[in-house]
Amino acid sequence: SAGSDARLAGCRPERATVAATATLAAAA
């Protein structure tokens, strides 16, 4: 999702949501 800039602000919303959700689950 990050693209060439690799920043979340530039991510596609759907992929960014899945990335954040899965990462939070892993951190928890």
mmCIF file of all heavy atoms, coordinates in Angstrom:
data_MODEL
# 
_entry.id   MODEL 
# 
loop_
_atom_site.group_PDB 
_atom_site.id 
_atom_site.type_symbol 
_atom_site.label_atom_id 
_atom_site.label_alt_id 
_atom_site.label_comp_id 
_atom_site.label_asym_id 
_atom_site.label_entity_id 
_atom_site.label_seq_id 
_atom_site.pdbx_PDB_ins_code 
_atom_site.Cartn_x 
_atom_site.Cartn_y 
_atom_site.Cartn_z 
_atom_site.occupancy 
_atom_site.B_iso_or_equiv 
_atom_site.pdbx_formal_charge 
_atom_site.auth_seq_id 
_atom_site.auth_comp_id 
_atom_site.auth_asym_id 
_atom_site.auth_atom_id 
_atom_site.pdbx_PDB_model_num 
ATOM 1   N N   . SER A 1 1  ? 0.802   -1.220 0.000  1.00 0.00 ? 1  SER A N   1 
ATOM 2   C CA  . SER A 1 1  ? 0.000   0.000  0.000  1.00 0.00 ? 1  SER A CA  1 
ATOM 3   C C   . SER A 1 1  ? 0.835   1.269  0.000  1.00 0.00 ? 1  SER A C   1 
ATOM 4   O O   . SER A 1 1  ? 0.371   2.316  -0.439 1.00 0.00 ? 1  SER A O   1 
ATOM 5   C CB  . SER A 1 1  ? -0.906  0.013  1.235  1.00 0.00 ? 1  SER A CB  1 
ATOM 6   O OG  . SER A 1 1  ? -1.717  -1.138 1.263  1.00 0.00 ? 1  SER A OG  1 
ATOM 7   N N   . ALA A 1 2  ? 2.049   1.193  0.540  1.00 0.00 ? 2  ALA A N   1 
ATOM 8   C CA  . ALA A 1 2  ? 2.805   2.415  0.786  1.00 0.00 ? 2  ALA A CA  1 
ATOM 9   C C   . ALA A 1 2  ? 3.284   3.097  -0.480 1.00 0.00 ? 2  ALA A C   1 
ATOM 10  O O   . ALA A 1 2  ? 3.492   4.297  -0.499 1.00 0.00 ? 2  ALA A O   1 
ATOM 11  C CB  . ALA A 1 2  ? 3.989   2.114  1.696  1.00 0.00 ? 2  ALA A CB  1 
ATOM 12  N N   . GLY A 1 3  ? 3.492   2.367  -1.563 1.00 0.00 ? 3  GLY A N   1 
ATOM 13  C CA  . GLY A 1 3  ? 3.956   2.977  -2.801 1.00 0.00 ? 3  GLY A CA  1 
ATOM 14  C C   . GLY A 1 3  ? 5.403   3.396  -2.701 1.00 0.00 ? 3  GLY A C   1 
ATOM 15  O O   . GLY A 1 3  ? 6.119   3.035  -1.775 1.00 0.00 ? 3  GLY A O   1 
ATOM 16  N N   . SER A 1 4  ? 5.844   4.183  -3.606 1.00 0.00 ? 4  SER A N   1 
ATOM 17  C CA  . SER A 1 4  ? 7.249   4.572  -3.631 1.00 0.00 ? 4  SER A CA  1 
ATOM 18  C C   . SER A 1 4  ? 7.614   5.439  -2.438 1.00 0.00 ? 4  SER A C   1 
ATOM 19  O O   . SER A 1 4  ? 8.741   5.458  -1.983 1.00 0.00 ? 4  SER A O   1 
ATOM 20  C CB  . SER A 1 4  ? 7.546   5.337  -4.929 1.00 0.00 ? 4  SER A CB  1 
ATOM 21  O OG  . SER A 1 4  ? 6.710   6.486  -5.004 1.00 0.00 ? 4  SER A OG  1 
ATOM 22  N N   . ASP A 1 5  ? 6.640   6.185  -1.891 1.00 0.00 ? 5  ASP A N   1 
ATOM 23  C CA  . ASP A 1 5  ? 6.933   7.040  -0.755 1.00 0.00 ? 5  ASP A CA  1 
ATOM 24  C C   . ASP A 1 5  ? 6.966   6.265  0.548  1.00 0.00 ? 5  ASP A C   1 
ATOM 25  O O   . ASP A 1 5  ? 7.591   6.685  1.512  1.00 0.00 ? 5  ASP A O   1 
ATOM 26  C CB  . ASP A 1 5  ? 5.865   8.134  -0.669 1.00 0.00 ? 5  ASP A CB  1 
ATOM 27  C CG  . ASP A 1 5  ? 6.211   9.187  0.362  1.00 0.00 ? 5  ASP A CG  1 
ATOM 28  O OD1 . ASP A 1 5  ? 7.398   9.437  0.594  1.00 0.00 ? 5  ASP A OD1 1 
ATOM 29  O OD2 . ASP A 1 5  ? 5.254   9.766  0.913  1.00 0.00 ? 5  ASP A OD2 1 
ATOM 30  N N   . ALA A 1 6  ? 6.257   5.111  0.573  1.00 0.00 ? 6  ALA A N   1 
ATOM 31  C CA  . ALA A 1 6  ? 6.212   4.203  1.725  1.00 0.00 ? 6  ALA A CA  1 
ATOM 32  C C   . ALA A 1 6  ? 5.671   4.877  2.987  1.00 0.00 ? 6  ALA A C   1 
ATOM 33  O O   . ALA A 1 6  ? 6.011   4.516  4.084  1.00 0.00 ? 6  ALA A O   1 
ATOM 34  C CB  . ALA A 1 6  ? 7.592   3.604  2.016  1.00 0.00 ? 6  ALA A CB  1 
ATOM 35  N N   . ARG A 1 7  ? 4.809   5.872  2.785  1.00 0.00 ? 7  ARG A N   1 
ATOM 36  C CA  . ARG A 1 7  ? 4.197   6.520  3.943  1.00 0.00 ? 7  ARG A CA  1 
ATOM 37  C C   . ARG A 1 7  ? 2.725   6.151  3.977  1.00 0.00 ? 7  ARG A C   1 
ATOM 38  O O   . ARG A 1 7  ? 2.063   6.073  2.953  1.00 0.00 ? 7  ARG A O   1 
ATOM 39  C CB  . ARG A 1 7  ? 4.326   8.047  3.862  1.00 0.00 ? 7  ARG A CB  1 
ATOM 40  C CG  . ARG A 1 7  ? 5.768   8.532  3.929  1.00 0.00 ? 7  ARG A CG  1 
ATOM 41  C CD  . ARG A 1 7  ? 5.821   10.041 3.698  1.00 0.00 ? 7  ARG A CD  1 
ATOM 42  N NE  . ARG A 1 7  ? 5.149   10.757 4.772  1.00 0.00 ? 7  ARG A NE  1 
ATOM 43  C CZ  . ARG A 1 7  ? 5.783   11.201 5.851  1.00 0.00 ? 7  ARG A CZ  1 
ATOM 44  N NH1 . ARG A 1 7  ? 7.064   11.008 6.004  1.00 0.00 ? 7  ARG A NH1 1 
ATOM 45  N NH2 . ARG A 1 7  ? 5.123   11.857 6.783  1.00 0.00 ? 7  ARG A NH2 1 
ATOM 46  N N   . LEU A 1 8  ? 2.205   5.944  5.185  1.00 0.00 ? 8  LEU A N   1 
ATOM 47  C CA  . LEU A 1 8  ? 0.814   5.541  5.294  1.00 0.00 ? 8  LEU A CA  1 
ATOM 48  C C   . LEU A 1 8  ? -0.119  6.594  4.711  1.00 0.00 ? 8  LEU A C   1 
ATOM 49  O O   . LEU A 1 8  ? -1.190  6.286  4.223  1.00 0.00 ? 8  LEU A O   1 
ATOM 50  C CB  . LEU A 1 8  ? 0.454   5.294  6.763  1.00 0.00 ? 8  LEU A CB  1 
ATOM 51  C CG  . LEU A 1 8  ? -0.941  4.704  6.998  1.00 0.00 ? 8  LEU A CG  1 
ATOM 52  C CD1 . LEU A 1 8  ? -1.088  3.382  6.293  1.00 0.00 ? 8  LEU A CD1 1 
ATOM 53  C CD2 . LEU A 1 8  ? -1.217  4.561  8.478  1.00 0.00 ? 8  LEU A CD2 1 
ATOM 54  N N   . ALA A 1 9  ? 0.278   7.859  4.769  1.00 0.00 ? 9  ALA A N   1 
ATOM 55  C CA  . ALA A 1 9  ? -0.580  8.910  4.246  1.00 0.00 ? 9  ALA A CA  1 
ATOM 56  C C   . ALA A 1 9  ? -0.855  8.743  2.763  1.00 0.00 ? 9  ALA A C   1 
ATOM 57  O O   . ALA A 1 9  ? -1.846  9.249  2.247  1.00 0.00 ? 9  ALA A O   1 
ATOM 58  C CB  . ALA A 1 9  ? 0.060   10.276 4.506  1.00 0.00 ? 9  ALA A CB  1 
ATOM 59  N N   . GLY A 1 10 ? -0.003  8.036  2.051  1.00 0.00 ? 10 GLY A N   1 
ATOM 60  C CA  . GLY A 1 10 ? -0.197  7.834  0.629  1.00 0.00 ? 10 GLY A CA  1 
ATOM 61  C C   . GLY A 1 10 ? -0.768  6.485  0.297  1.00 0.00 ? 10 GLY A C   1 
ATOM 62  O O   . GLY A 1 10 ? -0.837  6.109  -0.866 1.00 0.00 ? 10 GLY A O   1 
ATOM 63  N N   . CYS A 1 11 ? -1.190  5.706  1.273  1.00 0.00 ? 11 CYS A N   1 
ATOM 64  C CA  . CYS A 1 11 ? -1.689  4.362  1.042  1.00 0.00 ? 11 CYS A CA  1 
ATOM 65  C C   . CYS A 1 11 ? -3.104  4.388  0.488  1.00 0.00 ? 11 CYS A C   1 
ATOM 66  O O   . CYS A 1 11 ? -3.870  5.311  0.742  1.00 0.00 ? 11 CYS A O   1 
ATOM 67  C CB  . CYS A 1 11 ? -1.703  3.560  2.354  1.00 0.00 ? 11 CYS A CB  1 
ATOM 68  S SG  . CYS A 1 11 ? -0.071  3.186  2.976  1.00 0.00 ? 11 CYS A SG  1 
ATOM 69  N N   . ARG A 1 12 ? -3.469  3.346  -0.238 1.00 0.00 ? 12 ARG A N   1 
ATOM 70  C CA  . ARG A 1 12 ? -4.862  3.143  -0.585 1.00 0.00 ? 12 ARG A CA  1 
ATOM 71  C C   . ARG A 1 12 ? -5.626  2.862  0.706  1.00 0.00 ? 12 ARG A C   1 
ATOM 72  O O   . ARG A 1 12 ? -5.172  2.089  1.548  1.00 0.00 ? 12 ARG A O   1 
ATOM 73  C CB  . ARG A 1 12 ? -4.991  1.973  -1.551 1.00 0.00 ? 12 ARG A CB  1 
ATOM 74  C CG  . ARG A 1 12 ? -4.420  2.272  -2.916 1.00 0.00 ? 12 ARG A CG  1 
ATOM 75  C CD  . ARG A 1 12 ? -4.540  1.069  -3.818 1.00 0.00 ? 12 ARG A CD  1 
ATOM 76  N NE  . ARG A 1 12 ? -5.937  0.588  -3.864 1.00 0.00 ? 12 ARG A NE  1 
ATOM 77  C CZ  . ARG A 1 12 ? -6.306  -0.496 -4.524 1.00 0.00 ? 12 ARG A CZ  1 
ATOM 78  N NH1 . ARG A 1 12 ? -5.417  -1.220 -5.160 1.00 0.00 ? 12 ARG A NH1 1 
ATOM 79  N NH2 . ARG A 1 12 ? -7.575  -0.864 -4.530 1.00 0.00 ? 12 ARG A NH2 1 
ATOM 80  N N   . PRO A 1 13 ? -6.788  3.476  0.890  1.00 0.00 ? 13 PRO A N   1 
ATOM 81  C CA  . PRO A 1 13 ? -7.488  3.368  2.175  1.00 0.00 ? 13 PRO A CA  1 
ATOM 82  C C   . PRO A 1 13 ? -7.776  1.941  2.605  1.00 0.00 ? 13 PRO A C   1 
ATOM 83  O O   . PRO A 1 13 ? -7.610  1.593  3.768  1.00 0.00 ? 13 PRO A O   1 
ATOM 84  C CB  . PRO A 1 13 ? -8.781  4.150  1.918  1.00 0.00 ? 13 PRO A CB  1 
ATOM 85  C CG  . PRO A 1 13 ? -8.454  5.090  0.803  1.00 0.00 ? 13 PRO A CG  1 
ATOM 86  C CD  . PRO A 1 13 ? -7.458  4.376  -0.047 1.00 0.00 ? 13 PRO A CD  1 
ATOM 87  N N   . GLU A 1 14 ? -8.230  1.075  1.665  1.00 0.00 ? 14 GLU A N   1 
ATOM 88  C CA  . GLU A 1 14 ? -8.589  -0.288 2.052  1.00 0.00 ? 14 GLU A CA  1 
ATOM 89  C C   . GLU A 1 14 ? -7.372  -1.065 2.533  1.00 0.00 ? 14 GLU A C   1 
ATOM 90  O O   . GLU A 1 14 ? -7.413  -1.738 3.564  1.00 0.00 ? 14 GLU A O   1 
ATOM 91  C CB  . GLU A 1 14 ? -9.247  -1.014 0.879  1.00 0.00 ? 14 GLU A CB  1 
ATOM 92  C CG  . GLU A 1 14 ? -10.531 -0.357 0.380  1.00 0.00 ? 14 GLU A CG  1 
ATOM 93  C CD  . GLU A 1 14 ? -10.275 0.728  -0.643 1.00 0.00 ? 14 GLU A CD  1 
ATOM 94  O OE1 . GLU A 1 14 ? -9.088  1.047  -0.889 1.00 0.00 ? 14 GLU A OE1 1 
ATOM 95  O OE2 . GLU A 1 14 ? -11.254 1.277  -1.195 1.00 0.00 ? 14 GLU A OE2 1 
ATOM 96  N N   . ARG A 1 15 ? -6.309  -0.987 1.788  1.00 0.00 ? 15 ARG A N   1 
ATOM 97  C CA  . ARG A 1 15 ? -5.097  -1.704 2.183  1.00 0.00 ? 15 ARG A CA  1 
ATOM 98  C C   . ARG A 1 15 ? -4.525  -1.132 3.477  1.00 0.00 ? 15 ARG A C   1 
ATOM 99  O O   . ARG A 1 15 ? -4.015  -1.874 4.325  1.00 0.00 ? 15 ARG A O   1 
ATOM 100 C CB  . ARG A 1 15 ? -4.062  -1.627 1.073  1.00 0.00 ? 15 ARG A CB  1 
ATOM 101 C CG  . ARG A 1 15 ? -4.429  -2.435 -0.164 1.00 0.00 ? 15 ARG A CG  1 
ATOM 102 C CD  . ARG A 1 15 ? -3.378  -2.296 -1.239 1.00 0.00 ? 15 ARG A CD  1 
ATOM 103 N NE  . ARG A 1 15 ? -3.701  -3.095 -2.409 1.00 0.00 ? 15 ARG A NE  1 
ATOM 104 C CZ  . ARG A 1 15 ? -2.994  -3.072 -3.548 1.00 0.00 ? 15 ARG A CZ  1 
ATOM 105 N NH1 . ARG A 1 15 ? -1.936  -2.281 -3.630 1.00 0.00 ? 15 ARG A NH1 1 
ATOM 106 N NH2 . ARG A 1 15 ? -3.360  -3.830 -4.574 1.00 0.00 ? 15 ARG A NH2 1 
ATOM 107 N N   . ALA A 1 16 ? -4.599  0.172  3.609  1.00 0.00 ? 16 ALA A N   1 
ATOM 108 C CA  . ALA A 1 16 ? -4.085  0.793  4.827  1.00 0.00 ? 16 ALA A CA  1 
ATOM 109 C C   . ALA A 1 16 ? -4.866  0.315  6.050  1.00 0.00 ? 16 ALA A C   1 
ATOM 110 O O   . ALA A 1 16 ? -4.285  0.065  7.112  1.00 0.00 ? 16 ALA A O   1 
ATOM 111 C CB  . ALA A 1 16 ? -4.169  2.316  4.717  1.00 0.00 ? 16 ALA A CB  1 
ATOM 112 N N   . THR A 1 17 ? -6.170  0.148  5.886  1.00 0.00 ? 17 THR A N   1 
ATOM 113 C CA  . THR A 1 17 ? -6.999  -0.308 7.006  1.00 0.00 ? 17 THR A CA  1 
ATOM 114 C C   . THR A 1 17 ? -6.639  -1.731 7.398  1.00 0.00 ? 17 THR A C   1 
ATOM 115 O O   . THR A 1 17 ? -6.507  -2.052 8.594  1.00 0.00 ? 17 THR A O   1 
ATOM 116 C CB  . THR A 1 17 ? -8.483  -0.229 6.626  1.00 0.00 ? 17 THR A CB  1 
ATOM 117 O OG1 . THR A 1 17 ? -8.827  1.124  6.360  1.00 0.00 ? 17 THR A OG1 1 
ATOM 118 C CG2 . THR A 1 17 ? -9.361  -0.756 7.762  1.00 0.00 ? 17 THR A CG2 1 
ATOM 119 N N   . VAL A 1 18 ? -6.473  -2.600 6.401  1.00 0.00 ? 18 VAL A N   1 
ATOM 120 C CA  . VAL A 1 18 ? -6.102  -3.986 6.693  1.00 0.00 ? 18 VAL A CA  1 
ATOM 121 C C   . VAL A 1 18 ? -4.719  -4.040 7.331  1.00 0.00 ? 18 VAL A C   1 
ATOM 122 O O   . VAL A 1 18 ? -4.491  -4.766 8.311  1.00 0.00 ? 18 VAL A O   1 
ATOM 123 C CB  . VAL A 1 18 ? -6.142  -4.849 5.419  1.00 0.00 ? 18 VAL A CB  1 
ATOM 124 C CG1 . VAL A 1 18 ? -5.621  -6.254 5.710  1.00 0.00 ? 18 VAL A CG1 1 
ATOM 125 C CG2 . VAL A 1 18 ? -7.556  -4.925 4.875  1.00 0.00 ? 18 VAL A CG2 1 
ATOM 126 N N   . ALA A 1 19 ? -3.775  -3.265 6.805  1.00 0.00 ? 19 ALA A N   1 
ATOM 127 C CA  . ALA A 1 19 ? -2.420  -3.248 7.362  1.00 0.00 ? 19 ALA A CA  1 
ATOM 128 C C   . ALA A 1 19 ? -2.432  -2.801 8.819  1.00 0.00 ? 19 ALA A C   1 
ATOM 129 O O   . ALA A 1 19 ? -1.801  -3.425 9.683  1.00 0.00 ? 19 ALA A O   1 
ATOM 130 C CB  . ALA A 1 19 ? -1.527  -2.327 6.531  1.00 0.00 ? 19 ALA A CB  1 
ATOM 131 N N   . ALA A 1 20 ? -3.185  -1.738 9.100  1.00 0.00 ? 20 ALA A N   1 
ATOM 132 C CA  . ALA A 1 20 ? -3.233  -1.222 10.464 1.00 0.00 ? 20 ALA A CA  1 
ATOM 133 C C   . ALA A 1 20 ? -3.923  -2.197 11.408 1.00 0.00 ? 20 ALA A C   1 
ATOM 134 O O   . ALA A 1 20 ? -3.466  -2.437 12.529 1.00 0.00 ? 20 ALA A O   1 
ATOM 135 C CB  . ALA A 1 20 ? -3.953  0.122  10.480 1.00 0.00 ? 20 ALA A CB  1 
ATOM 136 N N   . THR A 1 21 ? -5.038  -2.786 10.941 1.00 0.00 ? 21 THR A N   1 
ATOM 137 C CA  . THR A 1 21 ? -5.791  -3.719 11.786 1.00 0.00 ? 21 THR A CA  1 
ATOM 138 C C   . THR A 1 21 ? -4.960  -4.950 12.126 1.00 0.00 ? 21 THR A C   1 
ATOM 139 O O   . THR A 1 21 ? -4.888  -5.368 13.290 1.00 0.00 ? 21 THR A O   1 
ATOM 140 C CB  . THR A 1 21 ? -7.083  -4.146 11.081 1.00 0.00 ? 21 THR A CB  1 
ATOM 141 O OG1 . THR A 1 21 ? -7.872  -2.987 10.802 1.00 0.00 ? 21 THR A OG1 1 
ATOM 142 C CG2 . THR A 1 21 ? -7.885  -5.108 11.951 1.00 0.00 ? 21 THR A CG2 1 
ATOM 143 N N   . ALA A 1 22 ? -4.328  -5.529 11.111 1.00 0.00 ? 22 ALA A N   1 
ATOM 144 C CA  . ALA A 1 22 ? -3.528  -6.741 11.342 1.00 0.00 ? 22 ALA A CA  1 
ATOM 145 C C   . ALA A 1 22 ? -2.328  -6.435 12.232 1.00 0.00 ? 22 ALA A C   1 
ATOM 146 O O   . ALA A 1 22 ? -1.972  -7.229 13.113 1.00 0.00 ? 22 ALA A O   1 
ATOM 147 C CB  . ALA A 1 22 ? -3.079  -7.323 10.006 1.00 0.00 ? 22 ALA A CB  1 
ATOM 148 N N   . THR A 1 23 ? -1.704  -5.276 12.021 1.00 0.00 ? 23 THR A N   1 
ATOM 149 C CA  . THR A 1 23 ? -0.541  -4.916 12.829 1.00 0.00 ? 23 THR A CA  1 
ATOM 150 C C   . THR A 1 23 ? -0.928  -4.670 14.280 1.00 0.00 ? 23 THR A C   1 
ATOM 151 O O   . THR A 1 23 ? -0.216  -5.070 15.209 1.00 0.00 ? 23 THR A O   1 
ATOM 152 C CB  . THR A 1 23 ? 0.159   -3.682 12.242 1.00 0.00 ? 23 THR A CB  1 
ATOM 153 O OG1 . THR A 1 23 ? 0.557   -3.966 10.885 1.00 0.00 ? 23 THR A OG1 1 
ATOM 154 C CG2 . THR A 1 23 ? 1.388   -3.324 13.047 1.00 0.00 ? 23 THR A CG2 1 
ATOM 155 N N   . LEU A 1 24 ? -2.050  -4.003 14.497 1.00 0.00 ? 24 LEU A N   1 
ATOM 156 C CA  . LEU A 1 24 ? -2.523  -3.806 15.863 1.00 0.00 ? 24 LEU A CA  1 
ATOM 157 C C   . LEU A 1 24 ? -2.828  -5.137 16.546 1.00 0.00 ? 24 LEU A C   1 
ATOM 158 O O   . LEU A 1 24 ? -2.548  -5.327 17.730 1.00 0.00 ? 24 LEU A O   1 
ATOM 159 C CB  . LEU A 1 24 ? -3.774  -2.919 15.868 1.00 0.00 ? 24 LEU A CB  1 
ATOM 160 C CG  . LEU A 1 24 ? -3.556  -1.411 15.894 1.00 0.00 ? 24 LEU A CG  1 
ATOM 161 C CD1 . LEU A 1 24 ? -4.887  -0.686 15.834 1.00 0.00 ? 24 LEU A CD1 1 
ATOM 162 C CD2 . LEU A 1 24 ? -2.779  -0.993 17.140 1.00 0.00 ? 24 LEU A CD2 1 
ATOM 163 N N   . ALA A 1 25 ? -3.414  -6.074 15.778 1.00 0.00 ? 25 ALA A N   1 
ATOM 164 C CA  . ALA A 1 25 ? -3.689  -7.402 16.337 1.00 0.00 ? 25 ALA A CA  1 
ATOM 165 C C   . ALA A 1 25 ? -2.395  -8.095 16.737 1.00 0.00 ? 25 ALA A C   1 
ATOM 166 O O   . ALA A 1 25 ? -2.302  -8.730 17.800 1.00 0.00 ? 25 ALA A O   1 
ATOM 167 C CB  . ALA A 1 25 ? -4.463  -8.251 15.327 1.00 0.00 ? 25 ALA A CB  1 
ATOM 168 N N   . ALA A 1 26 ? -1.373  -7.957 15.885 1.00 0.00 ? 26 ALA A N   1 
ATOM 169 C CA  . ALA A 1 26 ? -0.080  -8.570 16.189 1.00 0.00 ? 26 ALA A CA  1 
ATOM 170 C C   . ALA A 1 26 ? 0.561   -7.932 17.416 1.00 0.00 ? 26 ALA A C   1 
ATOM 171 O O   . ALA A 1 26 ? 1.119   -8.619 18.283 1.00 0.00 ? 26 ALA A O   1 
ATOM 172 C CB  . ALA A 1 26 ? 0.849   -8.437 14.984 1.00 0.00 ? 26 ALA A CB  1 
ATOM 173 N N   . ALA A 1 27 ? 0.480   -6.600 17.511 1.00 0.00 ? 27 ALA A N   1 
ATOM 174 C CA  . ALA A 1 27 ? 1.042   -5.906 18.669 1.00 0.00 ? 27 ALA A CA  1 
ATOM 175 C C   . ALA A 1 27 ? 0.302   -6.305 19.942 1.00 0.00 ? 27 ALA A C   1 
ATOM 176 O O   . ALA A 1 27 ? 0.916   -6.497 20.999 1.00 0.00 ? 27 ALA A O   1 
ATOM 177 C CB  . ALA A 1 27 ? 0.960   -4.396 18.457 1.00 0.00 ? 27 ALA A CB  1 
ATOM 178 N N   . ALA A 1 28 ? -1.029  -6.444 19.848 1.00 0.00 ? 28 ALA A N   1 
ATOM 179 C CA  . ALA A 1 28 ? -1.814  -6.857 21.012 1.00 0.00 ? 28 ALA A CA  1 
ATOM 180 C C   . ALA A 1 28 ? -1.449  -8.276 21.437 1.00 0.00 ? 28 ALA A C   1 
ATOM 181 O O   . ALA A 1 28 ? -1.367  -8.571 22.643 1.00 0.00 ? 28 ALA A O   1 
ATOM 182 C CB  . ALA A 1 28 ? -3.297  -6.764 20.690 1.00 0.00 ? 28 ALA A CB  1 
# 
